[in-house]
Amino acid sequence: MLVERSDFTIRAGSEEGFQDAMATRGVPLLQGVPGVLSVQCGRGVERPDAFMLLVAWESMDAHKAYNLMPECQELRALIGGFATGGSMEHFEMPG
């Protein structure tokens, strides 16, 4: 299993809009992608402009296939409309 952790800083004043967009569009979009095992998106407590997206994938191959899908571009555009910066890391998990 592969876990992808993405951290985003969201433009001031847009946090609620981003949270809603992820709940109604972003998370459901990812949940429908083949190879996705789970999706979670959470907001920072100490820094309310910080968000973390966790996606569990069956494999790196499933994740690579997603990168070629239109859903990937759609999600990137959604996030890009709100984010001022971010980072992404991948972790191989036993299982």
N, C-alpha and C. Protein backbone atom coordinates (compact mmCIF):
# COMPACT_ATOMS: atom_id res chain seq x y z
N MET A 1 0.84 -1.18 0.00
CA MET A 1 0.00 0.00 0.00
C MET A 1 0.89 1.24 0.00
N LEU A 2 0.40 2.28 -0.64
CA LEU A 2 1.09 3.56 -0.73
C LEU A 2 0.20 4.63 -0.11
N VAL A 3 0.76 5.44 0.77
CA VAL A 3 0.02 6.58 1.34
C VAL A 3 0.64 7.85 0.81
N GLU A 4 -0.21 8.70 0.25
CA GLU A 4 0.20 10.00 -0.27
C GLU A 4 -0.30 11.07 0.70
N ARG A 5 0.63 11.88 1.18
CA ARG A 5 0.27 12.99 2.08
C ARG A 5 0.58 14.29 1.36
N SER A 6 -0.46 15.11 1.20
CA SER A 6 -0.30 16.42 0.58
C SER A 6 -0.70 17.47 1.60
N ASP A 7 0.15 18.48 1.76
CA ASP A 7 -0.12 19.59 2.66
C ASP A 7 -0.31 20.85 1.83
N PHE A 8 -1.34 21.63 2.17
CA PHE A 8 -1.65 22.85 1.43
C PHE A 8 -1.79 24.02 2.38
N THR A 9 -1.33 25.18 1.95
CA THR A 9 -1.64 26.43 2.61
C THR A 9 -2.67 27.12 1.73
N ILE A 10 -3.79 27.49 2.33
CA ILE A 10 -4.92 28.04 1.59
C ILE A 10 -4.98 29.55 1.77
N ARG A 11 -5.26 30.23 0.69
CA ARG A 11 -5.35 31.70 0.67
C ARG A 11 -6.29 32.19 1.78
N ALA A 12 -5.84 33.20 2.52
CA ALA A 12 -6.62 33.77 3.63
C ALA A 12 -8.02 34.16 3.15
N GLY A 13 -8.99 33.77 3.93
CA GLY A 13 -10.38 34.06 3.62
C GLY A 13 -11.05 33.02 2.75
N SER A 14 -10.27 32.05 2.24
CA SER A 14 -10.81 31.01 1.35
C SER A 14 -10.90 29.64 2.01
N GLU A 15 -10.56 29.58 3.29
CA GLU A 15 -10.48 28.28 3.97
C GLU A 15 -11.81 27.53 3.96
N GLU A 16 -12.89 28.23 4.26
CA GLU A 16 -14.21 27.58 4.29
C GLU A 16 -14.60 27.10 2.89
N GLY A 17 -14.33 27.92 1.89
CA GLY A 17 -14.64 27.53 0.51
C GLY A 17 -13.86 26.31 0.07
N PHE A 18 -12.57 26.25 0.46
CA PHE A 18 -11.76 25.09 0.13
C PHE A 18 -12.28 23.84 0.83
N GLN A 19 -12.58 23.98 2.11
CA GLN A 19 -13.08 22.84 2.87
C GLN A 19 -14.36 22.30 2.24
N ASP A 20 -15.24 23.19 1.83
CA ASP A 20 -16.50 22.77 1.20
C ASP A 20 -16.23 22.13 -0.16
N ALA A 21 -15.35 22.74 -0.96
CA ALA A 21 -15.05 22.20 -2.28
C ALA A 21 -14.43 20.81 -2.19
N MET A 22 -13.57 20.60 -1.21
CA MET A 22 -12.98 19.27 -1.06
C MET A 22 -14.02 18.26 -0.60
N ALA A 23 -14.90 18.66 0.30
CA ALA A 23 -15.92 17.73 0.80
C ALA A 23 -16.93 17.36 -0.28
N THR A 24 -17.29 18.32 -1.12
CA THR A 24 -18.34 18.05 -2.11
C THR A 24 -17.81 17.60 -3.46
N ARG A 25 -16.58 17.97 -3.80
CA ARG A 25 -16.04 17.63 -5.13
C ARG A 25 -14.73 16.85 -5.06
N GLY A 26 -13.77 17.32 -4.30
CA GLY A 26 -12.44 16.72 -4.31
C GLY A 26 -12.39 15.31 -3.76
N VAL A 27 -12.91 15.13 -2.55
CA VAL A 27 -12.88 13.80 -1.93
C VAL A 27 -13.71 12.80 -2.73
N PRO A 28 -14.97 13.14 -3.11
CA PRO A 28 -15.73 12.17 -3.91
C PRO A 28 -15.05 11.83 -5.24
N LEU A 29 -14.39 12.80 -5.86
CA LEU A 29 -13.70 12.54 -7.11
C LEU A 29 -12.60 11.49 -6.90
N LEU A 30 -11.80 11.67 -5.85
CA LEU A 30 -10.74 10.72 -5.56
C LEU A 30 -11.29 9.35 -5.17
N GLN A 31 -12.38 9.32 -4.44
CA GLN A 31 -12.96 8.04 -4.01
C GLN A 31 -13.40 7.19 -5.19
N GLY A 32 -13.67 7.82 -6.32
CA GLY A 32 -14.10 7.08 -7.50
C GLY A 32 -12.97 6.62 -8.40
N VAL A 33 -11.74 6.94 -8.06
CA VAL A 33 -10.58 6.57 -8.88
C VAL A 33 -10.17 5.13 -8.59
N PRO A 34 -9.98 4.31 -9.63
CA PRO A 34 -9.53 2.94 -9.40
C PRO A 34 -8.19 2.93 -8.66
N GLY A 35 -8.09 2.05 -7.68
CA GLY A 35 -6.87 1.91 -6.90
C GLY A 35 -6.84 2.74 -5.63
N VAL A 36 -7.83 3.61 -5.42
CA VAL A 36 -7.89 4.40 -4.19
C VAL A 36 -8.58 3.57 -3.11
N LEU A 37 -7.92 3.44 -1.96
CA LEU A 37 -8.47 2.68 -0.84
C LEU A 37 -9.20 3.58 0.15
N SER A 38 -8.68 4.79 0.37
CA SER A 38 -9.33 5.73 1.28
C SER A 38 -8.83 7.14 1.01
N VAL A 39 -9.66 8.12 1.39
CA VAL A 39 -9.34 9.54 1.22
C VAL A 39 -9.78 10.28 2.46
N GLN A 40 -8.90 11.13 2.99
CA GLN A 40 -9.25 11.99 4.12
C GLN A 40 -8.66 13.37 3.85
N CYS A 41 -9.44 14.40 4.20
CA CYS A 41 -8.96 15.77 4.09
C CYS A 41 -9.28 16.47 5.40
N GLY A 42 -8.27 17.05 6.04
CA GLY A 42 -8.48 17.70 7.33
C GLY A 42 -7.84 19.08 7.38
N ARG A 43 -8.36 19.88 8.30
CA ARG A 43 -7.92 21.26 8.48
C ARG A 43 -7.05 21.38 9.73
N GLY A 44 -6.04 22.22 9.66
CA GLY A 44 -5.14 22.43 10.78
C GLY A 44 -5.84 23.09 11.96
N VAL A 45 -5.46 22.68 13.16
CA VAL A 45 -6.01 23.25 14.39
C VAL A 45 -5.24 24.53 14.74
N GLU A 46 -3.93 24.42 14.79
CA GLU A 46 -3.12 25.59 15.14
C GLU A 46 -3.06 26.61 14.01
N ARG A 47 -3.08 26.10 12.78
CA ARG A 47 -3.05 26.97 11.60
C ARG A 47 -4.26 26.63 10.73
N PRO A 48 -5.36 27.35 10.87
CA PRO A 48 -6.58 27.03 10.12
C PRO A 48 -6.45 27.20 8.61
N ASP A 49 -5.35 27.81 8.14
CA ASP A 49 -5.14 27.91 6.69
C ASP A 49 -4.39 26.70 6.14
N ALA A 50 -4.03 25.75 7.01
CA ALA A 50 -3.30 24.54 6.62
C ALA A 50 -4.28 23.37 6.48
N PHE A 51 -4.12 22.63 5.39
CA PHE A 51 -4.94 21.45 5.15
C PHE A 51 -4.04 20.29 4.78
N MET A 52 -4.48 19.07 5.13
CA MET A 52 -3.75 17.86 4.78
C MET A 52 -4.70 16.91 4.07
N LEU A 53 -4.24 16.38 2.95
CA LEU A 53 -4.98 15.39 2.20
C LEU A 53 -4.21 14.08 2.27
N LEU A 54 -4.87 13.03 2.74
CA LEU A 54 -4.27 11.70 2.81
C LEU A 54 -5.03 10.78 1.86
N VAL A 55 -4.28 10.15 0.96
CA VAL A 55 -4.88 9.20 0.03
C VAL A 55 -4.12 7.89 0.14
N ALA A 56 -4.84 6.83 0.43
CA ALA A 56 -4.24 5.49 0.46
C ALA A 56 -4.51 4.83 -0.89
N TRP A 57 -3.44 4.40 -1.52
CA TRP A 57 -3.50 3.75 -2.84
C TRP A 57 -3.15 2.28 -2.71
N GLU A 58 -3.71 1.46 -3.59
CA GLU A 58 -3.35 0.04 -3.63
C GLU A 58 -1.86 -0.12 -3.92
N SER A 59 -1.33 0.74 -4.81
CA SER A 59 0.06 0.60 -5.23
C SER A 59 0.53 1.90 -5.89
N MET A 60 1.83 2.00 -6.08
CA MET A 60 2.39 3.14 -6.81
C MET A 60 1.90 3.12 -8.26
N ASP A 61 1.72 1.92 -8.82
CA ASP A 61 1.22 1.83 -10.19
C ASP A 61 -0.18 2.44 -10.32
N ALA A 62 -1.04 2.21 -9.33
CA ALA A 62 -2.38 2.81 -9.35
C ALA A 62 -2.28 4.33 -9.29
N HIS A 63 -1.36 4.82 -8.46
CA HIS A 63 -1.17 6.27 -8.35
C HIS A 63 -0.64 6.84 -9.66
N LYS A 64 0.31 6.16 -10.28
CA LYS A 64 0.86 6.63 -11.56
C LYS A 64 -0.21 6.65 -12.64
N ALA A 65 -1.09 5.66 -12.64
CA ALA A 65 -2.18 5.63 -13.62
C ALA A 65 -3.11 6.82 -13.41
N TYR A 66 -3.39 7.16 -12.16
CA TYR A 66 -4.24 8.32 -11.85
C TYR A 66 -3.63 9.61 -12.39
N ASN A 67 -2.31 9.74 -12.32
CA ASN A 67 -1.64 10.95 -12.80
C ASN A 67 -1.91 11.21 -14.28
N LEU A 68 -2.32 10.20 -15.04
CA LEU A 68 -2.61 10.33 -16.46
C LEU A 68 -4.10 10.52 -16.73
N MET A 69 -4.92 10.51 -15.70
CA MET A 69 -6.38 10.61 -15.85
C MET A 69 -6.85 12.07 -15.80
N PRO A 70 -7.98 12.37 -16.44
CA PRO A 70 -8.54 13.72 -16.36
C PRO A 70 -8.90 14.11 -14.92
N GLU A 71 -9.22 13.14 -14.09
CA GLU A 71 -9.56 13.42 -12.70
C GLU A 71 -8.40 14.09 -11.96
N CYS A 72 -7.18 13.72 -12.33
CA CYS A 72 -5.99 14.31 -11.70
C CYS A 72 -5.92 15.80 -12.03
N GLN A 73 -6.12 16.14 -13.28
CA GLN A 73 -6.08 17.55 -13.68
C GLN A 73 -7.22 18.33 -13.03
N GLU A 74 -8.39 17.70 -12.92
CA GLU A 74 -9.53 18.35 -12.28
C GLU A 74 -9.24 18.66 -10.81
N LEU A 75 -8.67 17.71 -10.10
CA LEU A 75 -8.35 17.93 -8.70
C LEU A 75 -7.26 18.99 -8.54
N ARG A 76 -6.25 18.93 -9.38
CA ARG A 76 -5.18 19.93 -9.32
C ARG A 76 -5.73 21.34 -9.56
N ALA A 77 -6.67 21.47 -10.49
CA ALA A 77 -7.27 22.77 -10.76
C ALA A 77 -8.10 23.24 -9.57
N LEU A 78 -8.83 22.32 -8.95
CA LEU A 78 -9.64 22.68 -7.78
C LEU A 78 -8.73 23.19 -6.67
N ILE A 79 -7.70 22.44 -6.34
CA ILE A 79 -6.79 22.83 -5.27
C ILE A 79 -6.05 24.12 -5.64
N GLY A 80 -5.60 24.20 -6.87
CA GLY A 80 -4.85 25.36 -7.32
C GLY A 80 -5.63 26.66 -7.24
N GLY A 81 -6.95 26.59 -7.28
CA GLY A 81 -7.78 27.77 -7.16
C GLY A 81 -7.80 28.35 -5.75
N PHE A 82 -7.31 27.58 -4.77
CA PHE A 82 -7.33 28.00 -3.37
C PHE A 82 -5.96 28.08 -2.73
N ALA A 83 -5.02 27.26 -3.19
CA ALA A 83 -3.74 27.08 -2.48
C ALA A 83 -2.72 28.15 -2.86
N THR A 84 -1.94 28.54 -1.86
CA THR A 84 -0.81 29.44 -2.09
C THR A 84 0.51 28.68 -2.04
N GLY A 85 0.47 27.43 -1.65
CA GLY A 85 1.67 26.61 -1.58
C GLY A 85 1.32 25.23 -1.06
N GLY A 86 2.28 24.34 -1.16
CA GLY A 86 2.02 23.00 -0.66
C GLY A 86 3.19 22.07 -0.91
N SER A 87 3.02 20.86 -0.43
CA SER A 87 4.03 19.81 -0.63
C SER A 87 3.34 18.45 -0.65
N MET A 88 4.06 17.45 -1.18
CA MET A 88 3.51 16.11 -1.28
C MET A 88 4.61 15.10 -1.01
N GLU A 89 4.25 14.04 -0.28
CA GLU A 89 5.18 12.95 -0.02
C GLU A 89 4.42 11.63 -0.14
N HIS A 90 5.16 10.60 -0.48
CA HIS A 90 4.59 9.25 -0.60
C HIS A 90 5.30 8.31 0.37
N PHE A 91 4.54 7.42 0.97
CA PHE A 91 5.06 6.49 1.96
C PHE A 91 4.61 5.09 1.62
N GLU A 92 5.54 4.15 1.57
CA GLU A 92 5.19 2.74 1.41
C GLU A 92 4.84 2.21 2.79
N MET A 93 3.68 1.58 2.88
CA MET A 93 3.19 1.07 4.15
C MET A 93 3.08 -0.45 4.07
N PRO A 94 3.40 -1.13 5.15
CA PRO A 94 3.23 -2.59 5.14
C PRO A 94 1.74 -2.92 5.11
N GLY A 95 1.44 -4.02 4.56
CA GLY A 95 0.04 -4.36 4.61
C GLY A 95 -0.40 -5.32 3.63
